[in-house]
Protein backbone atom coordinates (compact mmCIF):
# COMPACT_ATOMS: atom_id res chain seq x y z
CA ASN A 1 4.60 -0.26 -13.16
CA HIS A 2 3.70 3.05 -11.50
CA VAL A 3 -0.03 3.31 -10.92
CA SER A 4 -2.42 5.58 -9.09
CA VAL A 5 -4.51 4.31 -6.20
CA SER A 6 -7.67 5.03 -8.20
CA ALA A 7 -6.45 2.70 -11.00
CA ILE A 8 -5.86 -0.28 -8.70
CA ALA A 9 -9.52 -1.32 -8.76
CA LYS A 10 -9.15 -2.17 -12.48
CA LEU A 11 -6.07 -4.37 -12.04
CA LYS A 12 -5.85 -8.11 -11.49
CA ASP A 13 -4.79 -9.97 -8.36
CA GLU A 14 -1.00 -10.26 -8.01
CA THR A 15 -0.28 -7.40 -10.44
CA ALA A 16 3.03 -5.73 -9.56
CA VAL A 17 2.57 -2.05 -8.71
CA THR A 18 4.59 0.97 -7.63
CA LEU A 19 2.79 3.69 -5.69
CA LYS A 20 3.98 7.13 -4.61
CA GLY A 21 2.23 8.95 -1.80
CA THR A 22 1.94 9.16 1.97
CA LEU A 23 0.81 6.90 4.77
CA LEU A 24 -2.38 8.17 6.37
CA LYS A 25 -2.44 5.97 9.45
CA HIS A 26 -1.35 2.75 11.04
CA LEU A 27 -4.46 0.61 11.54
CA ASN A 28 -3.11 -2.48 13.31
CA GLU A 29 -0.18 -4.87 13.09
CA ASP A 30 1.11 -4.63 9.49
CA ASN A 31 -1.89 -2.75 8.09
CA TYR A 32 -1.67 0.87 6.98
CA GLU A 33 -3.88 3.29 5.07
CA PHE A 34 -2.10 4.97 2.16
CA SER A 35 -3.09 7.74 -0.25
CA ASP A 36 -1.61 9.35 -3.33
CA GLY A 37 -4.36 11.95 -3.63
CA THR A 38 -6.50 9.87 -6.02
CA GLY A 39 -7.85 7.49 -3.40
CA VAL A 40 -7.04 5.41 -0.33
CA ILE A 41 -5.74 1.83 -0.28
CA LEU A 42 -4.83 -0.63 2.45
CA LEU A 43 -1.19 -1.70 2.59
CA ASP A 44 0.28 -4.76 4.28
CA ILE A 45 3.82 -3.79 5.33
CA ASP A 46 6.06 -6.12 7.33
CA ASP A 47 7.91 -4.44 10.20
CA ASP A 48 11.35 -5.25 8.81
CA LEU A 49 10.69 -3.16 5.67
CA TRP A 50 10.84 0.05 7.71
CA GLN A 51 14.60 -0.40 8.27
CA GLY A 52 14.16 1.26 11.65
CA LYS A 53 13.02 4.57 10.15
CA PRO A 54 10.37 6.60 11.93
CA ILE A 55 7.27 7.04 9.80
CA SER A 56 4.61 9.68 10.18
CA ALA A 57 1.48 10.48 8.20
CA LYS A 58 3.40 13.14 6.31
CA THR A 59 6.32 10.95 5.22
CA PRO A 60 6.42 10.61 1.42
CA VAL A 61 7.18 7.04 0.39
CA THR A 62 7.38 4.89 -2.72
CA ILE A 63 5.73 1.52 -2.27
CA ILE A 64 6.65 -1.50 -4.39
CA GLY A 65 4.45 -4.54 -4.08
CA GLU A 66 1.63 -6.50 -5.59
CA ILE A 67 -2.13 -6.34 -5.50
CA ASP A 68 -3.83 -8.77 -3.14
CA ILE A 69 -7.57 -9.25 -3.64
CA ASP A 70 -9.67 -11.18 -1.16
CA TYR A 71 -13.24 -12.12 -2.04
CA LYS A 72 -14.41 -13.50 1.29
CA PRO A 73 -16.30 -12.42 3.25
CA THR A 74 -16.49 -9.38 0.93
CA LYS A 75 -14.23 -8.11 -1.84
CA ARG A 76 -11.25 -6.32 -0.36
CA VAL A 77 -8.29 -4.96 -2.29
CA GLU A 78 -4.96 -4.23 -0.68
CA VAL A 79 -1.30 -4.06 -1.66
CA ASP A 80 1.11 -6.60 -0.24
CA VAL A 81 4.30 -4.54 0.08
CA ASP A 82 7.72 -5.93 -0.91
CA GLN A 83 9.74 -2.75 -0.55
CA VAL A 84 9.41 0.75 0.95
CA GLN A 85 11.61 3.52 -0.46
CA PHE A 86 12.08 6.79 1.39
């Protein structure tokens, strides 16, 4: 289910998504900012998914995961990543 970042806002919690784009920056721990040119989304990527590969802001990646929406304290949408393809 390949989607654009801009379309994620219309999707339901736990919807499976595939995104293609680049990582903008590492925020903290497992949190990264990602963009495909249509918008920016927060990704939650576990360390072991990197398979030891160096990642920079210009590395094109395909992200497979599911939408994770939190409503407290405010609505926040991110993608919980299951797989990173290089």
